[in-house]
């Protein structure tokens, strides 16, 4: 259903968790546990105790990050394919569910925001729209701005593979390496414009990914 974002976190801070594998090392998640998750023997939620330092934060979980545990507040996804892949899990998620996927605008359990198509990149100030910037993580930043935050902490915004060629901290989905690199380049195009407009809006963004592209 179409939605106007309320300023529920006005003046505050939030964390946005993306899919980049850097969070494994940052939070000291044991290698054996990671192998079990990658092989499908353990659920993603087994990472939750290691993320305890952020459990008291306001958190937007992008895509699969919603499965980390009940310490996240909002699930954001932009791709209708993610809905088709994770529909049961999404509907069972206890927090706020938000998307800008056009074909999902009639699902009552999911809040829908139209993509702002006035330009390719940047931050929309219309609380009924999001600038997608060609990736869900960037759109989640715009969502946080609508919530009214003044500081955003980014985790897992790597836009690169790790030393073992992992694209994500999970193996729920993956892409051929050649396509991945082209996707990373596209995902990065919007950040310079976003930085400029976030600065004008007085929003500080801290990218905590140590090797982010």
C-alpha atoms as a PDB file:
ATOM      1  CA  UNK A   1       0.000   0.000   0.000  1.00  0.00           C
ATOM      2  CA  UNK A   2       1.205   3.514  -0.817  1.00  0.00           C
ATOM      3  CA  UNK A   3       2.673   5.275   2.175  1.00  0.00           C
ATOM      4  CA  UNK A   4       3.982   8.598   3.466  1.00  0.00           C
ATOM      5  CA  UNK A   5       7.036   8.090   5.679  1.00  0.00           C
ATOM      6  CA  UNK A   6       6.660   9.537   9.198  1.00  0.00           C
ATOM      7  CA  UNK A   7       9.613  11.154  10.972  1.00  0.00           C
ATOM      8  CA  UNK A   8       9.669   8.517  13.692  1.00  0.00           C
ATOM      9  CA  UNK A   9      13.445   8.783  14.218  1.00  0.00           C
ATOM     10  CA  UNK A  10      13.624  12.579  13.950  1.00  0.00           C
ATOM     11  CA  UNK A  11      17.053  13.917  14.893  1.00  0.00           C
ATOM     12  CA  UNK A  12      18.371  10.456  15.740  1.00  0.00           C
ATOM     13  CA  UNK A  13      20.774   7.873  14.384  1.00  0.00           C
ATOM     14  CA  UNK A  14      20.238   4.601  12.558  1.00  0.00           C
ATOM     15  CA  UNK A  15      22.271   1.696  11.223  1.00  0.00           C
ATOM     16  CA  UNK A  16      21.700   0.255   7.755  1.00  0.00           C
ATOM     17  CA  UNK A  17      22.881  -3.325   7.235  1.00  0.00           C
ATOM     18  CA  UNK A  18      23.727  -4.224   3.639  1.00  0.00           C
ATOM     19  CA  UNK A  19      24.868  -7.508   2.167  1.00  0.00           C
ATOM     20  CA  UNK A  20      28.635  -7.044   1.941  1.00  0.00           C
ATOM     21  CA  UNK A  21      30.786  -9.753   3.587  1.00  0.00           C
ATOM     22  CA  UNK A  22      32.904  -7.262   5.557  1.00  0.00           C
ATOM     23  CA  UNK A  23      30.563  -7.554   8.547  1.00  0.00           C
ATOM     24  CA  UNK A  24      31.842 -11.105   9.152  1.00  0.00           C
ATOM     25  CA  UNK A  25      35.287  -9.836  10.047  1.00  0.00           C
ATOM     26  CA  UNK A  26      34.072  -6.626  11.699  1.00  0.00           C
ATOM     27  CA  UNK A  27      31.937  -8.492  14.234  1.00  0.00           C
ATOM     28  CA  UNK A  28      34.310 -11.414  14.731  1.00  0.00           C
ATOM     29  CA  UNK A  29      31.915 -14.061  13.452  1.00  0.00           C
ATOM     30  CA  UNK A  30      33.770 -17.411  13.660  1.00  0.00           C
ATOM     31  CA  UNK A  31      34.922 -18.965  10.406  1.00  0.00           C
ATOM     32  CA  UNK A  32      33.258 -22.292  11.176  1.00  0.00           C
ATOM     33  CA  UNK A  33      29.915 -20.594  11.717  1.00  0.00           C
ATOM     34  CA  UNK A  34      30.267 -18.715   8.433  1.00  0.00           C
ATOM     35  CA  UNK A  35      31.000 -21.981   6.603  1.00  0.00           C
ATOM     36  CA  UNK A  36      27.879 -23.522   8.098  1.00  0.00           C
ATOM     37  CA  UNK A  37      25.758 -20.570   6.950  1.00  0.00           C
ATOM     38  CA  UNK A  38      27.301 -20.609   3.479  1.00  0.00           C
ATOM     39  CA  UNK A  39      26.633 -24.351   3.180  1.00  0.00           C
ATOM     40  CA  UNK A  40      23.045 -24.005   4.349  1.00  0.00           C
ATOM     41  CA  UNK A  41      23.579 -26.003   7.562  1.00  0.00           C
ATOM     42  CA  UNK A  42      22.837 -23.016   9.813  1.00  0.00           C
ATOM     43  CA  UNK A  43      20.344 -20.183   9.547  1.00  0.00           C
ATOM     44  CA  UNK A  44      21.534 -16.607   9.105  1.00  0.00           C
ATOM     45  CA  UNK A  45      20.122 -15.756  12.530  1.00  0.00           C
ATOM     46  CA  UNK A  46      23.059 -17.546  14.182  1.00  0.00           C
ATOM     47  CA  UNK A  47      25.081 -14.376  13.489  1.00  0.00           C
ATOM     48  CA  UNK A  48      22.822 -12.330  15.779  1.00  0.00           C
ATOM     49  CA  UNK A  49      24.770 -12.738  19.062  1.00  0.00           C
ATOM     50  CA  UNK A  50      27.917 -11.407  17.393  1.00  0.00           C
ATOM     51  CA  UNK A  51      26.067  -8.265  16.312  1.00  0.00           C
ATOM     52  CA  UNK A  52      25.120  -7.499  19.921  1.00  0.00           C
ATOM     53  CA  UNK A  53      27.001  -4.136  19.882  1.00  0.00           C
ATOM     54  CA  UNK A  54      24.297  -2.720  17.562  1.00  0.00           C
ATOM     55  CA  UNK A  55      21.244  -4.407  19.093  1.00  0.00           C
ATOM     56  CA  UNK A  56      20.217  -1.159  20.803  1.00  0.00           C
ATOM     57  CA  UNK A  57      20.320   0.867  17.569  1.00  0.00           C
ATOM     58  CA  UNK A  58      17.520   1.740  15.172  1.00  0.00           C
ATOM     59  CA  UNK A  59      18.231  -0.606  12.253  1.00  0.00           C
ATOM     60  CA  UNK A  60      17.143  -0.831   8.630  1.00  0.00           C
ATOM     61  CA  UNK A  61      17.857  -4.323   7.297  1.00  0.00           C
ATOM     62  CA  UNK A  62      18.381  -4.420   3.529  1.00  0.00           C
ATOM     63  CA  UNK A  63      17.223  -7.603   1.803  1.00  0.00           C
ATOM     64  CA  UNK A  64      18.475 -10.750   3.602  1.00  0.00           C
ATOM     65  CA  UNK A  65      19.614  -8.789   6.656  1.00  0.00           C
ATOM     66  CA  UNK A  66      16.024  -9.018   7.906  1.00  0.00           C
ATOM     67  CA  UNK A  67      16.760 -12.624   8.910  1.00  0.00           C
ATOM     68  CA  UNK A  68      19.553 -11.679  11.301  1.00  0.00           C
ATOM     69  CA  UNK A  69      17.210 -11.390  14.258  1.00  0.00           C
ATOM     70  CA  UNK A  70      14.547  -9.458  16.120  1.00  0.00           C
ATOM     71  CA  UNK A  71      16.862  -6.543  16.869  1.00  0.00           C
ATOM     72  CA  UNK A  72      16.221  -4.967  13.442  1.00  0.00           C
ATOM     73  CA  UNK A  73      13.358  -2.516  13.021  1.00  0.00           C
ATOM     74  CA  UNK A  74      12.710  -2.171   9.297  1.00  0.00           C
ATOM     75  CA  UNK A  75      13.093  -4.454   6.281  1.00  0.00           C
ATOM     76  CA  UNK A  76      13.709  -2.623   3.024  1.00  0.00           C
ATOM     77  CA  UNK A  77      13.910  -4.266  -0.389  1.00  0.00           C
ATOM     78  CA  UNK A  78      13.670  -2.767  -3.842  1.00  0.00           C
ATOM     79  CA  UNK A  79      13.572  -5.797  -6.124  1.00  0.00           C
ATOM     80  CA  UNK A  80      10.247  -7.608  -6.748  1.00  0.00           C
ATOM     81  CA  UNK A  81      12.308 -10.756  -7.335  1.00  0.00           C
ATOM     82  CA  UNK A  82      13.295 -10.626  -3.671  1.00  0.00           C
ATOM     83  CA  UNK A  83       9.617 -10.698  -2.749  1.00  0.00           C
ATOM     84  CA  UNK A  84       9.049 -13.750  -4.940  1.00  0.00           C
ATOM     85  CA  UNK A  85      12.061 -15.499  -3.392  1.00  0.00           C
ATOM     86  CA  UNK A  86      11.361 -14.566   0.257  1.00  0.00           C
ATOM     87  CA  UNK A  87       7.621 -13.912   0.408  1.00  0.00           C
ATOM     88  CA  UNK A  88       6.889 -16.234   3.339  1.00  0.00           C
ATOM     89  CA  UNK A  89       9.773 -14.865   5.401  1.00  0.00           C
ATOM     90  CA  UNK A  90       8.908 -11.260   4.583  1.00  0.00           C
ATOM     91  CA  UNK A  91       5.288 -11.699   5.653  1.00  0.00           C
ATOM     92  CA  UNK A  92       6.494 -13.275   8.894  1.00  0.00           C
ATOM     93  CA  UNK A  93       8.852 -10.404   9.670  1.00  0.00           C
ATOM     94  CA  UNK A  94       7.693  -8.610  12.835  1.00  0.00           C
ATOM     95  CA  UNK A  95       8.985  -5.140  11.883  1.00  0.00           C
ATOM     96  CA  UNK A  96       8.058  -2.563   9.275  1.00  0.00           C
ATOM     97  CA  UNK A  97       8.274  -3.838   5.694  1.00  0.00           C
ATOM     98  CA  UNK A  98       9.019  -1.239   2.999  1.00  0.00           C
ATOM     99  CA  UNK A  99       9.617  -1.505  -0.748  1.00  0.00           C
ATOM    100  CA  UNK A 100       9.784   0.630  -3.878  1.00  0.00           C
ATOM    101  CA  UNK A 101       9.049  -2.319  -6.184  1.00  0.00           C
ATOM    102  CA  UNK A 102       6.201  -1.100  -8.410  1.00  0.00           C
ATOM    103  CA  UNK A 103       4.491  -4.475  -8.752  1.00  0.00           C
ATOM    104  CA  UNK A 104       4.192  -4.717  -4.953  1.00  0.00           C
ATOM    105  CA  UNK A 105       2.116  -1.586  -4.399  1.00  0.00           C
ATOM    106  CA  UNK A 106      -1.089  -3.512  -3.651  1.00  0.00           C
ATOM    107  CA  UNK A 107       0.254  -5.808  -0.898  1.00  0.00           C
ATOM    108  CA  UNK A 108      -1.359  -4.591   2.350  1.00  0.00           C
ATOM    109  CA  UNK A 109       1.389  -5.875   4.666  1.00  0.00           C
ATOM    110  CA  UNK A 110       4.115  -3.952   2.811  1.00  0.00           C
ATOM    111  CA  UNK A 111       4.520  -0.173   2.738  1.00  0.00           C
ATOM    112  CA  UNK A 112       5.079   1.070  -0.804  1.00  0.00           C
ATOM    113  CA  UNK A 113       7.068   4.155  -1.830  1.00  0.00           C
ATOM    114  CA  UNK A 114       7.142   5.232  -5.452  1.00  0.00           C
ATOM    115  CA  UNK A 115      10.533   5.629  -7.125  1.00  0.00           C
ATOM    116  CA  UNK A 116      11.340   9.289  -7.694  1.00  0.00           C
ATOM    117  CA  UNK A 117      12.074   9.421 -11.415  1.00  0.00           C
ATOM    118  CA  UNK A 118      12.703  13.160 -11.629  1.00  0.00           C
ATOM    119  CA  UNK A 119      16.433  12.388 -12.031  1.00  0.00           C
ATOM    120  CA  UNK A 120      18.762   9.405 -11.921  1.00  0.00           C
ATOM    121  CA  UNK A 121      20.596   9.993  -8.642  1.00  0.00           C
ATOM    122  CA  UNK A 122      20.306  11.816  -5.351  1.00  0.00           C
ATOM    123  CA  UNK A 123      18.015  12.033  -2.327  1.00  0.00           C
ATOM    124  CA  UNK A 124      14.282  12.603  -2.675  1.00  0.00           C
ATOM    125  CA  UNK A 125      12.741  14.946  -0.109  1.00  0.00           C
ATOM    126  CA  UNK A 126       9.210  13.796  -0.983  1.00  0.00           C
ATOM    127  CA  UNK A 127       8.180  11.432   1.879  1.00  0.00           C
ATOM    128  CA  UNK A 128       6.068   9.393  -0.547  1.00  0.00           C
ATOM    129  CA  UNK A 129       9.004   8.687  -2.885  1.00  0.00           C
ATOM    130  CA  UNK A 130      12.552   7.310  -2.890  1.00  0.00           C
ATOM    131  CA  UNK A 131      15.501   7.852  -5.185  1.00  0.00           C
ATOM    132  CA  UNK A 132      16.552   4.288  -5.971  1.00  0.00           C
ATOM    133  CA  UNK A 133      20.071   5.158  -7.227  1.00  0.00           C
ATOM    134  CA  UNK A 134      20.158   1.705  -8.842  1.00  0.00           C
ATOM    135  CA  UNK A 135      20.498  -0.254  -5.598  1.00  0.00           C
ATOM    136  CA  UNK A 136      18.452  -1.078  -2.525  1.00  0.00           C
ATOM    137  CA  UNK A 137      21.154   0.054  -0.094  1.00  0.00           C
ATOM    138  CA  UNK A 138      21.143   3.574  -1.493  1.00  0.00           C
ATOM    139  CA  UNK A 139      17.357   3.666  -1.435  1.00  0.00           C
ATOM    140  CA  UNK A 140      17.486   2.592   2.224  1.00  0.00           C
ATOM    141  CA  UNK A 141      19.651   5.651   2.917  1.00  0.00           C
ATOM    142  CA  UNK A 142      16.895   7.819   1.428  1.00  0.00           C
ATOM    143  CA  UNK A 143      14.359   5.994   3.620  1.00  0.00           C
ATOM    144  CA  UNK A 144      16.448   6.788   6.714  1.00  0.00           C
ATOM    145  CA  UNK A 145      16.460  10.450   5.697  1.00  0.00           C
ATOM    146  CA  UNK A 146      12.666  10.365   5.502  1.00  0.00           C
ATOM    147  CA  UNK A 147      12.589   8.902   9.026  1.00  0.00           C
ATOM    148  CA  UNK A 148      14.341  12.112  10.086  1.00  0.00           C
ATOM    149  CA  UNK A 149      17.738  10.805  11.198  1.00  0.00           C
ATOM    150  CA  UNK A 150      20.783  13.060  11.267  1.00  0.00           C
ATOM    151  CA  UNK A 151      23.403  10.282  11.330  1.00  0.00           C
ATOM    152  CA  UNK A 152      23.470   7.040   9.328  1.00  0.00           C
ATOM    153  CA  UNK A 153      25.915   4.197   9.978  1.00  0.00           C
ATOM    154  CA  UNK A 154      26.481   1.877   6.999  1.00  0.00           C
ATOM    155  CA  UNK A 155      27.504  -1.763   7.482  1.00  0.00           C
ATOM    156  CA  UNK A 156      28.156  -4.182   4.631  1.00  0.00           C
ATOM    157  CA  UNK A 157      28.193  -1.498   1.926  1.00  0.00           C
ATOM    158  CA  UNK A 158      31.239  -3.100   0.286  1.00  0.00           C
ATOM    159  CA  UNK A 159      30.383  -2.914  -3.438  1.00  0.00           C
ATOM    160  CA  UNK A 160      33.237  -5.383  -3.887  1.00  0.00           C
ATOM    161  CA  UNK A 161      34.071  -9.053  -3.354  1.00  0.00           C
ATOM    162  CA  UNK A 162      36.102 -10.215  -0.379  1.00  0.00           C
ATOM    163  CA  UNK A 163      39.396 -12.085  -0.691  1.00  0.00           C
ATOM    164  CA  UNK A 164      37.490 -15.347  -1.222  1.00  0.00           C
ATOM    165  CA  UNK A 165      35.269 -13.841  -3.929  1.00  0.00           C
ATOM    166  CA  UNK A 166      32.200 -13.764  -1.684  1.00  0.00           C
ATOM    167  CA  UNK A 167      29.615 -11.188  -2.709  1.00  0.00           C
ATOM    168  CA  UNK A 168      27.551 -11.370   0.488  1.00  0.00           C
ATOM    169  CA  UNK A 169      27.802 -12.557   4.097  1.00  0.00           C
ATOM    170  CA  UNK A 170      25.275 -15.244   3.094  1.00  0.00           C
ATOM    171  CA  UNK A 171      24.832 -17.540   0.109  1.00  0.00           C
ATOM    172  CA  UNK A 172      21.089 -17.056  -0.382  1.00  0.00           C
ATOM    173  CA  UNK A 173      21.715 -15.713  -3.849  1.00  0.00           C
ATOM    174  CA  UNK A 174      24.748 -14.908  -5.986  1.00  0.00           C
ATOM    175  CA  UNK A 175      25.614 -13.808  -9.508  1.00  0.00           C
ATOM    176  CA  UNK A 176      28.253 -14.626 -12.115  1.00  0.00           C
ATOM    177  CA  UNK A 177      31.430 -12.701 -11.326  1.00  0.00           C
ATOM    178  CA  UNK A 178      31.498 -10.740 -14.617  1.00  0.00           C
ATOM    179  CA  UNK A 179      27.961  -9.511 -14.015  1.00  0.00           C
ATOM    180  CA  UNK A 180      28.746  -8.757 -10.361  1.00  0.00           C
ATOM    181  CA  UNK A 181      31.513  -6.296 -11.232  1.00  0.00           C
ATOM    182  CA  UNK A 182      29.264  -4.484 -13.719  1.00  0.00           C
ATOM    183  CA  UNK A 183      26.555  -4.322 -11.025  1.00  0.00           C
ATOM    184  CA  UNK A 184      28.993  -2.898  -8.483  1.00  0.00           C
ATOM    185  CA  UNK A 185      29.972  -0.135 -10.910  1.00  0.00           C
ATOM    186  CA  UNK A 186      26.338   0.761 -11.512  1.00  0.00           C
ATOM    187  CA  UNK A 187      25.597   0.751  -7.779  1.00  0.00           C
ATOM    188  CA  UNK A 188      28.389   3.241  -7.119  1.00  0.00           C
ATOM    189  CA  UNK A 189      27.355   5.839  -9.699  1.00  0.00           C
ATOM    190  CA  UNK A 190      24.886   7.635  -7.466  1.00  0.00           C
ATOM    191  CA  UNK A 191      27.018   8.110  -4.354  1.00  0.00           C
ATOM    192  CA  UNK A 192      28.770  11.408  -5.301  1.00  0.00           C
ATOM    193  CA  UNK A 193      25.398  13.105  -5.885  1.00  0.00           C
ATOM    194  CA  UNK A 194      23.992  11.537  -2.741  1.00  0.00           C
ATOM    195  CA  UNK A 195      26.923  12.780  -0.655  1.00  0.00           C
ATOM    196  CA  UNK A 196      26.393  16.336  -1.883  1.00  0.00           C
ATOM    197  CA  UNK A 197      22.655  16.309  -1.173  1.00  0.00           C
ATOM    198  CA  UNK A 198      22.995  14.554   2.201  1.00  0.00           C
ATOM    199  CA  UNK A 199      25.478  17.236   3.243  1.00  0.00           C
ATOM    200  CA  UNK A 200      23.007  19.948   2.239  1.00  0.00           C
ATOM    201  CA  UNK A 201      20.338  18.213   4.314  1.00  0.00           C
ATOM    202  CA  UNK A 202      22.636  18.087   7.337  1.00  0.00           C
ATOM    203  CA  UNK A 203      22.761  14.277   7.430  1.00  0.00           C
ATOM    204  CA  UNK A 204      26.074  12.641   8.366  1.00  0.00           C
ATOM    205  CA  UNK A 205      26.754   9.223   6.820  1.00  0.00           C
ATOM    206  CA  UNK A 206      29.567   7.018   8.097  1.00  0.00           C
ATOM    207  CA  UNK A 207      30.551   4.060   5.921  1.00  0.00           C
ATOM    208  CA  UNK A 208      32.026   1.460   8.294  1.00  0.00           C
ATOM    209  CA  UNK A 209      33.013  -1.023   5.589  1.00  0.00           C
ATOM    210  CA  UNK A 210      36.836  -1.070   5.761  1.00  0.00           C
ATOM    211  CA  UNK A 211      37.360  -1.928   2.064  1.00  0.00           C
ATOM    212  CA  UNK A 212      34.333  -0.281   0.510  1.00  0.00           C
ATOM    213  CA  UNK A 213      34.521   0.637  -3.152  1.00  0.00           C
END
